[in-house]
Amino acid sequence: TLRRSGDRLITKTSNAPARSGCMPS
């Protein structure tokens, strides 16, 4: 997933269950 820090885009890693059941989703 993404978050913004100033003018930069930075990735985040989430382990929350996805609707599809896929990992990664």
PDB file of all heavy atoms in Angstrom:
ATOM      1  N   THR A   1       0.850  -1.184   0.000  1.00  0.00           N
ATOM      2  CA  THR A   1       0.000   0.000   0.000  1.00  0.00           C
ATOM      3  C   THR A   1       0.886   1.234   0.000  1.00  0.00           C
ATOM      4  O   THR A   1       2.114   1.125   0.148  1.00  0.00           O
ATOM      5  CB  THR A   1      -0.947   0.023   1.214  1.00  0.00           C
ATOM      6  OG1 THR A   1      -0.164   0.083   2.419  1.00  0.00           O
ATOM      7  CG2 THR A   1      -1.826  -1.225   1.246  1.00  0.00           C
ATOM      8  N   LEU A   2       0.274   2.403  -0.138  1.00  0.00           N
ATOM      9  CA  LEU A   2       1.039   3.649  -0.246  1.00  0.00           C
ATOM     10  C   LEU A   2       0.646   4.649   0.827  1.00  0.00           C
ATOM     11  O   LEU A   2      -0.498   4.681   1.281  1.00  0.00           O
ATOM     12  CB  LEU A   2       0.813   4.301  -1.609  1.00  0.00           C
ATOM     13  CG  LEU A   2       1.556   3.781  -2.836  1.00  0.00           C
ATOM     14  CD1 LEU A   2       1.298   4.712  -4.009  1.00  0.00           C
ATOM     15  CD2 LEU A   2       3.038   3.631  -2.588  1.00  0.00           C
ATOM     16  N   ARG A   3       1.604   5.489   1.211  1.00  0.00           N
ATOM     17  CA  ARG A   3       1.342   6.687   1.993  1.00  0.00           C
ATOM     18  C   ARG A   3       2.183   7.809   1.413  1.00  0.00           C
ATOM     19  O   ARG A   3       3.143   7.565   0.675  1.00  0.00           O
ATOM     20  CB  ARG A   3       1.671   6.476   3.469  1.00  0.00           C
ATOM     21  CG  ARG A   3       3.151   6.225   3.758  1.00  0.00           C
ATOM     22  CD  ARG A   3       3.369   6.025   5.246  1.00  0.00           C
ATOM     23  NE  ARG A   3       4.758   5.696   5.550  1.00  0.00           N
ATOM     24  CZ  ARG A   3       5.701   6.610   5.793  1.00  0.00           C
ATOM     25  NH1 ARG A   3       5.397   7.921   5.747  1.00  0.00           N
ATOM     26  NH2 ARG A   3       6.943   6.239   6.072  1.00  0.00           N
ATOM     27  N   ARG A   4       1.805   9.032   1.723  1.00  0.00           N
ATOM     28  CA  ARG A   4       2.550  10.175   1.220  1.00  0.00           C
ATOM     29  C   ARG A   4       3.303  10.833   2.368  1.00  0.00           C
ATOM     30  O   ARG A   4       2.758  11.025   3.464  1.00  0.00           O
ATOM     31  CB  ARG A   4       1.605  11.181   0.566  1.00  0.00           C
ATOM     32  CG  ARG A   4       2.328  12.261  -0.238  1.00  0.00           C
ATOM     33  CD  ARG A   4       1.339  13.239  -0.871  1.00  0.00           C
ATOM     34  NE  ARG A   4       0.532  12.625  -1.905  1.00  0.00           N
ATOM     35  CZ  ARG A   4       0.931  12.483  -3.161  1.00  0.00           C
ATOM     36  NH1 ARG A   4       2.141  12.865  -3.534  1.00  0.00           N
ATOM     37  NH2 ARG A   4       0.121  11.941  -4.046  1.00  0.00           N
ATOM     38  N   SER A   5       4.565  11.160   2.121  1.00  0.00           N
ATOM     39  CA  SER A   5       5.382  11.877   3.088  1.00  0.00           C
ATOM     40  C   SER A   5       6.010  13.067   2.370  1.00  0.00           C
ATOM     41  O   SER A   5       6.975  12.911   1.612  1.00  0.00           O
ATOM     42  CB  SER A   5       6.472  10.962   3.662  1.00  0.00           C
ATOM     43  OG  SER A   5       7.318  11.671   4.546  1.00  0.00           O
ATOM     44  N   GLY A   6       5.426  14.235   2.560  1.00  0.00           N
ATOM     45  CA  GLY A   6       5.875  15.402   1.821  1.00  0.00           C
ATOM     46  C   GLY A   6       5.588  15.210   0.352  1.00  0.00           C
ATOM     47  O   GLY A   6       4.449  14.954  -0.043  1.00  0.00           O
ATOM     48  N   ASP A   7       6.608  15.296  -0.473  1.00  0.00           N
ATOM     49  CA  ASP A   7       6.404  15.096  -1.913  1.00  0.00           C
ATOM     50  C   ASP A   7       6.802  13.682  -2.347  1.00  0.00           C
ATOM     51  O   ASP A   7       6.916  13.410  -3.541  1.00  0.00           O
ATOM     52  CB  ASP A   7       7.202  16.136  -2.708  1.00  0.00           C
ATOM     53  CG  ASP A   7       8.700  16.047  -2.446  1.00  0.00           C
ATOM     54  OD1 ASP A   7       9.101  15.278  -1.534  1.00  0.00           O
ATOM     55  OD2 ASP A   7       9.468  16.748  -3.137  1.00  0.00           O
ATOM     56  N   ARG A   8       6.980  12.800  -1.393  1.00  0.00           N
ATOM     57  CA  ARG A   8       7.390  11.439  -1.709  1.00  0.00           C
ATOM     58  C   ARG A   8       6.249  10.455  -1.480  1.00  0.00           C
ATOM     59  O   ARG A   8       5.420  10.632  -0.580  1.00  0.00           O
ATOM     60  CB  ARG A   8       8.591  11.019  -0.854  1.00  0.00           C
ATOM     61  CG  ARG A   8       9.835  11.861  -1.050  1.00  0.00           C
ATOM     62  CD  ARG A   8      11.023  11.253  -0.325  1.00  0.00           C
ATOM     63  NE  ARG A   8      10.747  11.044   1.100  1.00  0.00           N
ATOM     64  CZ  ARG A   8      11.552  10.373   1.925  1.00  0.00           C
ATOM     65  NH1 ARG A   8      12.680   9.828   1.454  1.00  0.00           N
ATOM     66  NH2 ARG A   8      11.244  10.222   3.201  1.00  0.00           N
ATOM     67  N   LEU A   9       6.221   9.414  -2.298  1.00  0.00           N
ATOM     68  CA  LEU A   9       5.311   8.298  -2.094  1.00  0.00           C
ATOM     69  C   LEU A   9       6.108   7.144  -1.506  1.00  0.00           C
ATOM     70  O   LEU A   9       7.167   6.773  -2.037  1.00  0.00           O
ATOM     71  CB  LEU A   9       4.670   7.875  -3.419  1.00  0.00           C
ATOM     72  CG  LEU A   9       3.725   8.888  -4.068  1.00  0.00           C
ATOM     73  CD1 LEU A   9       3.276   8.394  -5.438  1.00  0.00           C
ATOM     74  CD2 LEU A   9       2.516   9.142  -3.173  1.00  0.00           C
ATOM     75  N   ILE A  10       5.597   6.578  -0.417  1.00  0.00           N
ATOM     76  CA  ILE A  10       6.329   5.551   0.322  1.00  0.00           C
ATOM     77  C   ILE A  10       5.416   4.347   0.542  1.00  0.00           C
ATOM     78  O   ILE A  10       4.220   4.497   0.825  1.00  0.00           O
ATOM     79  CB  ILE A  10       6.807   6.103   1.678  1.00  0.00           C
ATOM     80  CG1 ILE A  10       7.754   7.289   1.435  1.00  0.00           C
ATOM     81  CG2 ILE A  10       7.503   5.023   2.498  1.00  0.00           C
ATOM     82  CD1 ILE A  10       8.196   7.985   2.699  1.00  0.00           C
ATOM     83  N   THR A  11       5.974   3.158   0.398  1.00  0.00           N
ATOM     84  CA  THR A  11       5.161   1.955   0.550  1.00  0.00           C
ATOM     85  C   THR A  11       5.001   1.575   2.019  1.00  0.00           C
ATOM     86  O   THR A  11       5.864   1.813   2.857  1.00  0.00           O
ATOM     87  CB  THR A  11       5.781   0.758  -0.196  1.00  0.00           C
ATOM     88  OG1 THR A  11       7.058   0.451   0.368  1.00  0.00           O
ATOM     89  CG2 THR A  11       5.923   1.055  -1.675  1.00  0.00           C
ATOM     90  N   LYS A  12       3.837   0.982   2.283  1.00  0.00           N
ATOM     91  CA  LYS A  12       3.541   0.372   3.574  1.00  0.00           C
ATOM     92  C   LYS A  12       3.175  -1.083   3.307  1.00  0.00           C
ATOM     93  O   LYS A  12       2.650  -1.405   2.242  1.00  0.00           O
ATOM     94  CB  LYS A  12       2.368   1.083   4.257  1.00  0.00           C
ATOM     95  CG  LYS A  12       2.626   2.512   4.636  1.00  0.00           C
ATOM     96  CD  LYS A  12       1.323   3.182   5.086  1.00  0.00           C
ATOM     97  CE  LYS A  12       0.651   2.438   6.231  1.00  0.00           C
ATOM     98  NZ  LYS A  12      -0.609   3.097   6.667  1.00  0.00           N
ATOM     99  N   THR A  13       3.452  -1.933   4.252  1.00  0.00           N
ATOM    100  CA  THR A  13       3.080  -3.339   4.115  1.00  0.00           C
ATOM    101  C   THR A  13       1.943  -3.653   5.079  1.00  0.00           C
ATOM    102  O   THR A  13       2.039  -3.373   6.275  1.00  0.00           O
ATOM    103  CB  THR A  13       4.268  -4.263   4.419  1.00  0.00           C
ATOM    104  OG1 THR A  13       5.342  -3.958   3.525  1.00  0.00           O
ATOM    105  CG2 THR A  13       3.874  -5.721   4.230  1.00  0.00           C
ATOM    106  N   SER A  14       0.868  -4.183   4.533  1.00  0.00           N
ATOM    107  CA  SER A  14      -0.296  -4.522   5.348  1.00  0.00           C
ATOM    108  C   SER A  14      -0.528  -6.034   5.319  1.00  0.00           C
ATOM    109  O   SER A  14      -0.403  -6.670   4.277  1.00  0.00           O
ATOM    110  CB  SER A  14      -1.547  -3.809   4.818  1.00  0.00           C
ATOM    111  OG  SER A  14      -2.710  -4.309   5.436  1.00  0.00           O
ATOM    112  N   ASN A  15      -0.867  -6.580   6.473  1.00  0.00           N
ATOM    113  CA  ASN A  15      -1.188  -8.005   6.571  1.00  0.00           C
ATOM    114  C   ASN A  15      -2.669  -8.231   6.857  1.00  0.00           C
ATOM    115  O   ASN A  15      -3.079  -9.353   7.144  1.00  0.00           O
ATOM    116  CB  ASN A  15      -0.356  -8.667   7.669  1.00  0.00           C
ATOM    117  CG  ASN A  15       1.137  -8.576   7.410  1.00  0.00           C
ATOM    118  OD1 ASN A  15       1.851  -7.874   8.109  1.00  0.00           O
ATOM    119  ND2 ASN A  15       1.601  -9.269   6.381  1.00  0.00           N
ATOM    120  N   ALA A  16      -3.459  -7.160   6.773  1.00  0.00           N
ATOM    121  CA  ALA A  16      -4.886  -7.274   7.036  1.00  0.00           C
ATOM    122  C   ALA A  16      -5.524  -8.208   6.008  1.00  0.00           C
ATOM    123  O   ALA A  16      -5.181  -8.158   4.823  1.00  0.00           O
ATOM    124  CB  ALA A  16      -5.547  -5.896   6.978  1.00  0.00           C
ATOM    125  N   PRO A  17      -6.451  -9.056   6.438  1.00  0.00           N
ATOM    126  CA  PRO A  17      -7.100  -9.956   5.481  1.00  0.00           C
ATOM    127  C   PRO A  17      -7.773  -9.181   4.364  1.00  0.00           C
ATOM    128  O   PRO A  17      -8.448  -8.175   4.604  1.00  0.00           O
ATOM    129  CB  PRO A  17      -8.138 -10.695   6.350  1.00  0.00           C
ATOM    130  CG  PRO A  17      -7.608 -10.590   7.741  1.00  0.00           C
ATOM    131  CD  PRO A  17      -6.927  -9.259   7.825  1.00  0.00           C
ATOM    132  N   ALA A  18      -7.569  -9.624   3.133  1.00  0.00           N
ATOM    133  CA  ALA A  18      -8.201  -8.979   1.984  1.00  0.00           C
ATOM    134  C   ALA A  18      -9.501  -9.688   1.649  1.00  0.00           C
ATOM    135  O   ALA A  18      -9.673 -10.874   1.937  1.00  0.00           O
ATOM    136  CB  ALA A  18      -7.262  -9.019   0.776  1.00  0.00           C
ATOM    137  N   ARG A  19     -10.430  -8.958   1.013  1.00  0.00           N
ATOM    138  CA  ARG A  19     -11.719  -9.554   0.644  1.00  0.00           C
ATOM    139  C   ARG A  19     -11.526 -10.771  -0.245  1.00  0.00           C
ATOM    140  O   ARG A  19     -12.255 -11.749  -0.159  1.00  0.00           O
ATOM    141  CB  ARG A  19     -12.579  -8.523  -0.086  1.00  0.00           C
ATOM    142  CG  ARG A  19     -12.862  -7.253   0.696  1.00  0.00           C
ATOM    143  CD  ARG A  19     -13.674  -6.274  -0.151  1.00  0.00           C
ATOM    144  NE  ARG A  19     -13.748  -4.960   0.454  1.00  0.00           N
ATOM    145  CZ  ARG A  19     -12.885  -3.992   0.233  1.00  0.00           C
ATOM    146  NH1 ARG A  19     -11.863  -4.190  -0.574  1.00  0.00           N
ATOM    147  NH2 ARG A  19     -13.040  -2.828   0.824  1.00  0.00           N
ATOM    148  N   SER A  20     -10.543 -10.699  -1.123  1.00  0.00           N
ATOM    149  CA  SER A  20     -10.309 -11.785  -2.073  1.00  0.00           C
ATOM    150  C   SER A  20      -9.673 -13.000  -1.435  1.00  0.00           C
ATOM    151  O   SER A  20      -9.671 -14.087  -2.011  1.00  0.00           O
ATOM    152  CB  SER A  20      -9.403 -11.285  -3.201  1.00  0.00           C
ATOM    153  OG  SER A  20      -8.116 -10.945  -2.683  1.00  0.00           O
ATOM    154  N   GLY A  21      -9.077 -12.816  -0.266  1.00  0.00           N
ATOM    155  CA  GLY A  21      -8.343 -13.901   0.374  1.00  0.00           C
ATOM    156  C   GLY A  21      -6.932 -14.038  -0.150  1.00  0.00           C
ATOM    157  O   GLY A  21      -6.191 -14.927   0.280  1.00  0.00           O
ATOM    158  N   CYS A  22      -6.535 -13.182  -1.093  1.00  0.00           N
ATOM    159  CA  CYS A  22      -5.209 -13.260  -1.708  1.00  0.00           C
ATOM    160  C   CYS A  22      -4.164 -12.559  -0.840  1.00  0.00           C
ATOM    161  O   CYS A  22      -4.451 -11.580  -0.160  1.00  0.00           O
ATOM    162  CB  CYS A  22      -5.221 -12.620  -3.092  1.00  0.00           C
ATOM    163  SG  CYS A  22      -6.348 -13.389  -4.261  1.00  0.00           S
ATOM    164  N   MET A  23      -2.952 -13.059  -0.894  1.00  0.00           N
ATOM    165  CA  MET A  23      -1.814 -12.439  -0.227  1.00  0.00           C
ATOM    166  C   MET A  23      -0.609 -12.574  -1.138  1.00  0.00           C
ATOM    167  O   MET A  23      -0.091 -13.684  -1.294  1.00  0.00           O
ATOM    168  CB  MET A  23      -1.545 -13.102   1.126  1.00  0.00           C
ATOM    169  CG  MET A  23      -0.381 -12.490   1.887  1.00  0.00           C
ATOM    170  SD  MET A  23      -0.715 -10.817   2.447  1.00  0.00           S
ATOM    171  CE  MET A  23      -1.733 -11.158   3.913  1.00  0.00           C
ATOM    172  N   PRO A  24      -0.159 -11.489  -1.787  1.00  0.00           N
ATOM    173  CA  PRO A  24      -0.687 -10.126  -1.683  1.00  0.00           C
ATOM    174  C   PRO A  24      -1.949  -9.940  -2.529  1.00  0.00           C
ATOM    175  O   PRO A  24      -2.207 -10.731  -3.439  1.00  0.00           O
ATOM    176  CB  PRO A  24       0.458  -9.280  -2.221  1.00  0.00           C
ATOM    177  CG  PRO A  24       1.105 -10.164  -3.246  1.00  0.00           C
ATOM    178  CD  PRO A  24       1.010 -11.561  -2.676  1.00  0.00           C
ATOM    179  N   SER A  25      -2.703  -8.876  -2.226  1.00  0.00           N
ATOM    180  CA  SER A  25      -3.933  -8.582  -2.942  1.00  0.00           C
ATOM    181  C   SER A  25      -3.815  -7.268  -3.700  1.00  0.00           C
ATOM    182  O   SER A  25      -3.151  -6.333  -3.246  1.00  0.00           O
ATOM    183  CB  SER A  25      -5.101  -8.508  -1.953  1.00  0.00           C
ATOM    184  OG  SER A  25      -6.264  -8.008  -2.567  1.00  0.00           O
TER     185      SER A  25
END
